[in-house]
Amino acid sequence: MAIPIKAIPTLYGEEAARLRRKIDEVEERFASRPERDITKEPGYIMMRKIIEKSNRYANLFR
C-alpha cells in the first residue's frame, strides 16, 4: 500500500519576502560572528583527556 505524497507548501508575496529577510539576517549574523578556537574550550580539553586515557589503556587488552 502506497503512502500518499503531500504537496510542499510554497510561500508567495509578503510571506516569502519576510522569510527571505529572516534568512538574510541569520546568514549575516553567522558571517559576522567572531572566530573561536575550539581547542581552548573546557569541553574539548576534557574530551581530549578522556580519549588519550582510553587509548592508553586500550593497548593493554590487545
N, C-alpha and C. Protein backbone atom coordinates (compact mmCIF):
# COMPACT_ATOMS: atom_id res chain seq x y z
N MET A 1 0.85 -1.17 0.00
CA MET A 1 0.00 0.00 0.00
C MET A 1 0.90 1.24 0.00
N ALA A 2 0.67 2.13 -0.92
CA ALA A 2 1.50 3.32 -1.07
C ALA A 2 1.04 4.42 -0.11
N ILE A 3 2.01 5.20 0.31
CA ILE A 3 1.73 6.34 1.17
C ILE A 3 1.59 7.56 0.27
N PRO A 4 0.50 8.31 0.38
CA PRO A 4 0.34 9.48 -0.50
C PRO A 4 1.39 10.55 -0.18
N ILE A 5 1.88 11.18 -1.23
CA ILE A 5 2.87 12.24 -1.09
C ILE A 5 2.12 13.57 -1.01
N LYS A 6 2.43 14.33 0.02
CA LYS A 6 1.77 15.62 0.20
C LYS A 6 2.53 16.70 -0.58
N ALA A 7 1.82 17.69 -1.01
CA ALA A 7 2.42 18.80 -1.74
C ALA A 7 3.26 19.64 -0.78
N ILE A 8 4.38 20.15 -1.28
CA ILE A 8 5.25 21.02 -0.49
C ILE A 8 4.64 22.42 -0.50
N PRO A 9 4.40 23.01 0.66
CA PRO A 9 3.81 24.35 0.68
C PRO A 9 4.78 25.39 0.09
N THR A 10 4.22 26.32 -0.66
CA THR A 10 5.02 27.36 -1.30
C THR A 10 4.58 28.71 -0.75
N LEU A 11 5.54 29.57 -0.45
CA LEU A 11 5.23 30.90 0.05
C LEU A 11 5.21 31.90 -1.10
N TYR A 12 4.28 32.84 -1.02
CA TYR A 12 4.15 33.87 -2.04
C TYR A 12 4.03 35.23 -1.37
N GLY A 13 4.34 36.26 -2.10
CA GLY A 13 4.09 37.63 -1.67
C GLY A 13 4.87 38.03 -0.43
N GLU A 14 4.16 38.66 0.51
CA GLU A 14 4.80 39.21 1.71
C GLU A 14 5.39 38.11 2.60
N GLU A 15 4.75 36.96 2.65
CA GLU A 15 5.29 35.86 3.46
C GLU A 15 6.65 35.42 2.94
N ALA A 16 6.79 35.32 1.63
CA ALA A 16 8.06 34.92 1.02
C ALA A 16 9.12 35.98 1.26
N ALA A 17 8.75 37.25 1.15
CA ALA A 17 9.71 38.34 1.37
C ALA A 17 10.17 38.36 2.82
N ARG A 18 9.22 38.15 3.75
CA ARG A 18 9.57 38.14 5.18
C ARG A 18 10.51 36.99 5.50
N LEU A 19 10.25 35.82 4.94
CA LEU A 19 11.13 34.67 5.15
C LEU A 19 12.52 34.95 4.58
N ARG A 20 12.59 35.55 3.39
CA ARG A 20 13.88 35.87 2.77
C ARG A 20 14.67 36.85 3.64
N ARG A 21 13.98 37.86 4.20
CA ARG A 21 14.66 38.82 5.08
C ARG A 21 15.22 38.13 6.31
N LYS A 22 14.43 37.23 6.91
CA LYS A 22 14.90 36.49 8.10
C LYS A 22 16.11 35.63 7.75
N ILE A 23 16.07 34.97 6.61
CA ILE A 23 17.20 34.14 6.18
C ILE A 23 18.44 34.99 6.02
N ASP A 24 18.29 36.16 5.38
CA ASP A 24 19.44 37.05 5.19
C ASP A 24 20.00 37.54 6.52
N GLU A 25 19.11 37.85 7.48
CA GLU A 25 19.57 38.30 8.80
C GLU A 25 20.39 37.21 9.49
N VAL A 26 19.90 36.00 9.45
CA VAL A 26 20.60 34.89 10.11
C VAL A 26 21.95 34.65 9.45
N GLU A 27 22.00 34.66 8.12
CA GLU A 27 23.27 34.46 7.42
C GLU A 27 24.26 35.57 7.74
N GLU A 28 23.78 36.81 7.83
CA GLU A 28 24.66 37.93 8.15
C GLU A 28 25.20 37.82 9.57
N ARG A 29 24.32 37.44 10.52
CA ARG A 29 24.77 37.25 11.91
C ARG A 29 25.81 36.15 12.00
N PHE A 30 25.59 35.07 11.28
CA PHE A 30 26.54 33.95 11.29
C PHE A 30 27.88 34.37 10.70
N ALA A 31 27.87 35.11 9.61
CA ALA A 31 29.11 35.53 8.96
C ALA A 31 29.89 36.53 9.80
N SER A 32 29.17 37.34 10.61
CA SER A 32 29.85 38.38 11.38
C SER A 32 30.28 37.92 12.77
N ARG A 33 29.97 36.70 13.14
CA ARG A 33 30.36 36.23 14.48
C ARG A 33 31.88 36.04 14.55
N PRO A 34 32.46 36.25 15.71
CA PRO A 34 33.92 36.10 15.84
C PRO A 34 34.33 34.63 15.76
N GLU A 35 35.47 34.39 15.16
CA GLU A 35 36.01 33.03 15.08
C GLU A 35 36.47 32.60 16.46
N ARG A 36 36.22 31.33 16.80
CA ARG A 36 36.64 30.81 18.10
C ARG A 36 37.58 29.65 17.87
N ASP A 37 38.52 29.48 18.79
CA ASP A 37 39.40 28.33 18.76
C ASP A 37 38.81 27.28 19.67
N ILE A 38 38.25 26.25 19.09
CA ILE A 38 37.55 25.22 19.86
C ILE A 38 38.51 24.44 20.77
N THR A 39 39.78 24.39 20.42
CA THR A 39 40.74 23.63 21.23
C THR A 39 40.99 24.26 22.59
N LYS A 40 40.54 25.48 22.80
CA LYS A 40 40.72 26.17 24.09
C LYS A 40 39.51 26.01 25.01
N GLU A 41 38.44 25.42 24.52
CA GLU A 41 37.23 25.29 25.33
C GLU A 41 37.34 24.13 26.31
N PRO A 42 36.77 24.28 27.52
CA PRO A 42 36.90 23.24 28.55
C PRO A 42 36.32 21.88 28.12
N GLY A 43 35.21 21.88 27.41
CA GLY A 43 34.62 20.62 26.97
C GLY A 43 35.52 19.86 26.02
N TYR A 44 36.18 20.60 25.13
CA TYR A 44 37.10 19.98 24.18
C TYR A 44 38.32 19.41 24.90
N ILE A 45 38.84 20.17 25.84
CA ILE A 45 40.02 19.72 26.60
C ILE A 45 39.69 18.46 27.38
N MET A 46 38.50 18.41 28.02
CA MET A 46 38.10 17.23 28.77
C MET A 46 37.95 16.03 27.84
N MET A 47 37.36 16.23 26.66
CA MET A 47 37.18 15.15 25.71
C MET A 47 38.53 14.59 25.25
N ARG A 48 39.48 15.47 25.00
CA ARG A 48 40.82 15.02 24.57
C ARG A 48 41.48 14.18 25.66
N LYS A 49 41.33 14.60 26.92
CA LYS A 49 41.91 13.83 28.03
C LYS A 49 41.28 12.45 28.12
N ILE A 50 39.97 12.37 27.95
CA ILE A 50 39.28 11.07 28.00
C ILE A 50 39.76 10.18 26.87
N ILE A 51 39.89 10.72 25.68
CA ILE A 51 40.34 9.92 24.54
C ILE A 51 41.77 9.45 24.74
N GLU A 52 42.63 10.34 25.21
CA GLU A 52 44.03 9.95 25.43
C GLU A 52 44.11 8.85 26.49
N LYS A 53 43.33 8.98 27.55
CA LYS A 53 43.33 7.98 28.61
C LYS A 53 42.80 6.64 28.10
N SER A 54 41.74 6.66 27.31
CA SER A 54 41.17 5.41 26.80
C SER A 54 42.13 4.75 25.82
N ASN A 55 42.84 5.52 25.02
CA ASN A 55 43.81 4.95 24.09
C ASN A 55 44.98 4.32 24.84
N ARG A 56 45.34 4.91 25.96
CA ARG A 56 46.46 4.40 26.75
C ARG A 56 46.14 3.01 27.29
N TYR A 57 44.89 2.81 27.76
CA TYR A 57 44.51 1.54 28.35
C TYR A 57 44.00 0.54 27.31
N ALA A 58 43.64 1.00 26.14
CA ALA A 58 43.13 0.10 25.09
C ALA A 58 44.23 -0.85 24.63
N ASN A 59 45.48 -0.41 24.67
CA ASN A 59 46.59 -1.25 24.22
C ASN A 59 46.86 -2.41 25.18
N LEU A 60 46.40 -2.34 26.42
CA LEU A 60 46.63 -3.41 27.39
C LEU A 60 45.84 -4.67 27.05
N PHE A 61 44.72 -4.52 26.38
CA PHE A 61 43.83 -5.65 26.13
C PHE A 61 43.97 -6.22 24.74
N ARG A 62 44.96 -5.84 23.99
CA ARG A 62 45.15 -6.37 22.63
C ARG A 62 46.05 -7.56 22.64
